[in-house]
N, C-alpha and C. Protein backbone atom coordinates (compact mmCIF):
# COMPACT_ATOMS: atom_id res chain seq x y z
N MET A 1 106.63 126.02 90.34
CA MET A 1 108.07 125.84 90.39
C MET A 1 108.38 124.36 90.61
N LEU A 2 109.39 123.91 89.95
CA LEU A 2 109.79 122.51 89.99
C LEU A 2 110.66 122.23 91.21
N PRO A 3 110.38 121.15 91.94
CA PRO A 3 111.23 120.81 93.09
C PRO A 3 112.68 120.57 92.65
N GLU A 4 113.60 120.88 93.52
CA GLU A 4 115.03 120.77 93.22
C GLU A 4 115.40 119.38 92.69
N GLU A 5 114.83 118.34 93.27
CA GLU A 5 115.20 116.98 92.84
C GLU A 5 114.72 116.63 91.43
N ASP A 6 113.84 117.45 90.88
CA ASP A 6 113.33 117.20 89.53
C ASP A 6 113.92 118.15 88.48
N ARG A 7 114.81 119.01 88.88
CA ARG A 7 115.40 119.97 87.95
C ARG A 7 116.25 119.31 86.87
N TRP A 8 116.67 118.09 87.09
CA TRP A 8 117.46 117.39 86.08
C TRP A 8 116.69 117.33 84.76
N LEU A 9 115.38 117.26 84.86
CA LEU A 9 114.56 117.16 83.66
C LEU A 9 114.63 118.44 82.83
N THR A 10 114.46 119.58 83.48
CA THR A 10 114.54 120.84 82.72
C THR A 10 115.97 121.10 82.26
N ASP A 11 116.95 120.70 83.05
CA ASP A 11 118.34 120.86 82.62
C ASP A 11 118.62 120.03 81.37
N ALA A 12 118.08 118.81 81.33
CA ALA A 12 118.26 117.94 80.16
C ALA A 12 117.58 118.56 78.93
N MET A 13 116.40 119.11 79.11
CA MET A 13 115.70 119.73 77.99
C MET A 13 116.46 120.96 77.51
N ASP A 14 116.96 121.76 78.43
CA ASP A 14 117.75 122.93 78.03
C ASP A 14 118.97 122.53 77.23
N ARG A 15 119.66 121.49 77.65
CA ARG A 15 120.83 120.99 76.90
C ARG A 15 120.41 120.51 75.52
N ARG A 16 119.32 119.80 75.46
CA ARG A 16 118.85 119.27 74.18
C ARG A 16 118.50 120.41 73.21
N LEU A 17 117.83 121.42 73.70
CA LEU A 17 117.50 122.56 72.85
C LEU A 17 118.76 123.31 72.42
N ARG A 18 119.66 123.52 73.37
CA ARG A 18 120.90 124.24 73.07
C ARG A 18 121.73 123.51 72.02
N ASP A 19 121.75 122.18 72.08
CA ASP A 19 122.57 121.38 71.17
C ASP A 19 121.87 121.03 69.86
N SER A 20 120.60 121.40 69.72
CA SER A 20 119.86 121.06 68.51
C SER A 20 120.35 121.89 67.33
N THR A 21 120.03 121.42 66.15
CA THR A 21 120.41 122.15 64.93
C THR A 21 119.25 122.94 64.35
N GLN A 22 118.15 123.02 65.08
CA GLN A 22 116.99 123.76 64.59
C GLN A 22 117.31 125.25 64.51
N SER A 23 116.77 125.89 63.49
CA SER A 23 116.95 127.33 63.35
C SER A 23 116.06 128.05 64.35
N ALA A 24 116.33 129.35 64.52
CA ALA A 24 115.49 130.15 65.41
C ALA A 24 114.04 130.14 64.92
N GLY A 25 113.85 130.19 63.63
CA GLY A 25 112.49 130.14 63.08
C GLY A 25 111.78 128.84 63.39
N GLN A 26 112.49 127.74 63.29
CA GLN A 26 111.90 126.44 63.60
C GLN A 26 111.55 126.35 65.09
N LEU A 27 112.42 126.88 65.93
CA LEU A 27 112.16 126.87 67.37
C LEU A 27 110.93 127.71 67.70
N ARG A 28 110.82 128.87 67.08
CA ARG A 28 109.65 129.72 67.32
C ARG A 28 108.37 129.08 66.80
N SER A 29 108.47 128.39 65.69
CA SER A 29 107.31 127.69 65.14
C SER A 29 106.83 126.62 66.11
N ARG A 30 107.76 125.88 66.68
CA ARG A 30 107.40 124.85 67.65
C ARG A 30 106.80 125.47 68.91
N ALA A 31 107.32 126.61 69.30
CA ALA A 31 106.76 127.31 70.47
C ALA A 31 105.30 127.69 70.21
N ARG A 32 105.00 128.16 68.99
CA ARG A 32 103.61 128.50 68.64
C ARG A 32 102.72 127.26 68.69
N GLU A 33 103.25 126.13 68.19
CA GLU A 33 102.48 124.89 68.23
C GLU A 33 102.18 124.48 69.67
N LEU A 34 103.18 124.60 70.53
CA LEU A 34 102.99 124.23 71.93
C LEU A 34 101.97 125.13 72.62
N ARG A 35 102.00 126.41 72.30
CA ARG A 35 101.02 127.33 72.88
C ARG A 35 99.60 127.00 72.41
N ALA A 36 99.48 126.63 71.15
CA ALA A 36 98.17 126.24 70.62
C ALA A 36 97.67 124.97 71.32
N GLU A 37 98.57 124.01 71.54
CA GLU A 37 98.19 122.80 72.25
C GLU A 37 97.76 123.13 73.68
N ALA A 38 98.47 124.05 74.31
CA ALA A 38 98.13 124.44 75.68
C ALA A 38 96.73 125.06 75.74
N GLU A 39 96.39 125.88 74.77
CA GLU A 39 95.07 126.51 74.73
C GLU A 39 93.95 125.48 74.62
N GLN A 40 94.23 124.38 73.95
CA GLN A 40 93.20 123.37 73.72
C GLN A 40 93.10 122.36 74.85
N SER A 41 94.08 122.32 75.72
CA SER A 41 94.08 121.32 76.78
C SER A 41 93.18 121.74 77.94
N HIS A 42 92.44 120.79 78.46
CA HIS A 42 91.60 121.03 79.62
C HIS A 42 92.30 120.58 80.89
N VAL A 43 93.48 120.02 80.75
CA VAL A 43 94.25 119.52 81.90
C VAL A 43 95.30 120.57 82.25
N GLN A 44 95.18 121.14 83.43
CA GLN A 44 96.05 122.25 83.80
C GLN A 44 97.53 121.85 83.79
N GLY A 45 97.87 120.66 84.24
CA GLY A 45 99.26 120.22 84.25
C GLY A 45 99.85 120.16 82.85
N ILE A 46 99.09 119.66 81.91
CA ILE A 46 99.55 119.59 80.51
C ILE A 46 99.68 120.99 79.94
N ARG A 47 98.70 121.82 80.23
CA ARG A 47 98.74 123.21 79.75
C ARG A 47 99.97 123.93 80.29
N ASN A 48 100.23 123.81 81.57
CA ASN A 48 101.39 124.47 82.18
C ASN A 48 102.70 123.95 81.61
N ALA A 49 102.79 122.64 81.41
CA ALA A 49 104.01 122.05 80.87
C ALA A 49 104.25 122.53 79.44
N ALA A 50 103.21 122.57 78.64
CA ALA A 50 103.35 123.02 77.25
C ALA A 50 103.77 124.49 77.19
N LEU A 51 103.21 125.31 78.06
CA LEU A 51 103.58 126.73 78.09
C LEU A 51 105.02 126.92 78.56
N ALA A 52 105.44 126.13 79.54
CA ALA A 52 106.82 126.22 80.03
C ALA A 52 107.80 125.79 78.94
N LEU A 53 107.45 124.75 78.23
CA LEU A 53 108.32 124.27 77.14
C LEU A 53 108.36 125.29 76.01
N ALA A 54 107.23 125.89 75.69
CA ALA A 54 107.19 126.92 74.66
C ALA A 54 108.10 128.08 75.03
N GLU A 55 108.10 128.46 76.29
CA GLU A 55 108.97 129.54 76.75
C GLU A 55 110.44 129.18 76.56
N ARG A 56 110.79 127.93 76.83
CA ARG A 56 112.18 127.51 76.64
C ARG A 56 112.57 127.53 75.15
N TYR A 57 111.65 127.13 74.30
CA TYR A 57 111.91 127.20 72.86
C TYR A 57 112.13 128.65 72.43
N GLU A 58 111.31 129.57 72.94
CA GLU A 58 111.46 130.98 72.61
C GLU A 58 112.78 131.54 73.11
N GLN A 59 113.17 131.17 74.32
CA GLN A 59 114.44 131.64 74.88
C GLN A 59 115.62 131.15 74.03
N THR A 60 115.56 129.91 73.61
CA THR A 60 116.63 129.35 72.78
C THR A 60 116.67 130.05 71.43
N ALA A 61 115.50 130.31 70.85
CA ALA A 61 115.45 131.02 69.57
C ALA A 61 116.05 132.42 69.72
N ALA A 62 115.71 133.11 70.77
CA ALA A 62 116.25 134.45 70.98
C ALA A 62 117.76 134.42 71.16
N ALA A 63 118.25 133.41 71.86
CA ALA A 63 119.70 133.29 72.06
C ALA A 63 120.41 133.04 70.73
N ARG A 64 119.79 132.26 69.86
CA ARG A 64 120.40 132.00 68.55
C ARG A 64 120.43 133.25 67.69
N LEU A 65 119.40 134.05 67.79
CA LEU A 65 119.34 135.27 66.99
C LEU A 65 120.37 136.31 67.48
N SER A 66 120.62 136.31 68.77
CA SER A 66 121.57 137.28 69.30
C SER A 66 123.03 136.82 69.22
N ALA A 67 123.23 135.58 68.86
CA ALA A 67 124.61 135.04 68.79
C ALA A 67 125.32 135.47 67.52
């Protein structure tokens, strides 16, 4: 879990994803790429960050599909 003082970073990423013009398919494709990168990383911090970002891409894609 991210400390409260660092949440600005995830909030900024959420805004950026929400305001992007990428289609749901493009967002899901990027999420797959991030998961593949996470699988190949031997650094736990990088792996965790890539997986968290992939989840945000998936959430944004799902929101676009339901809109």
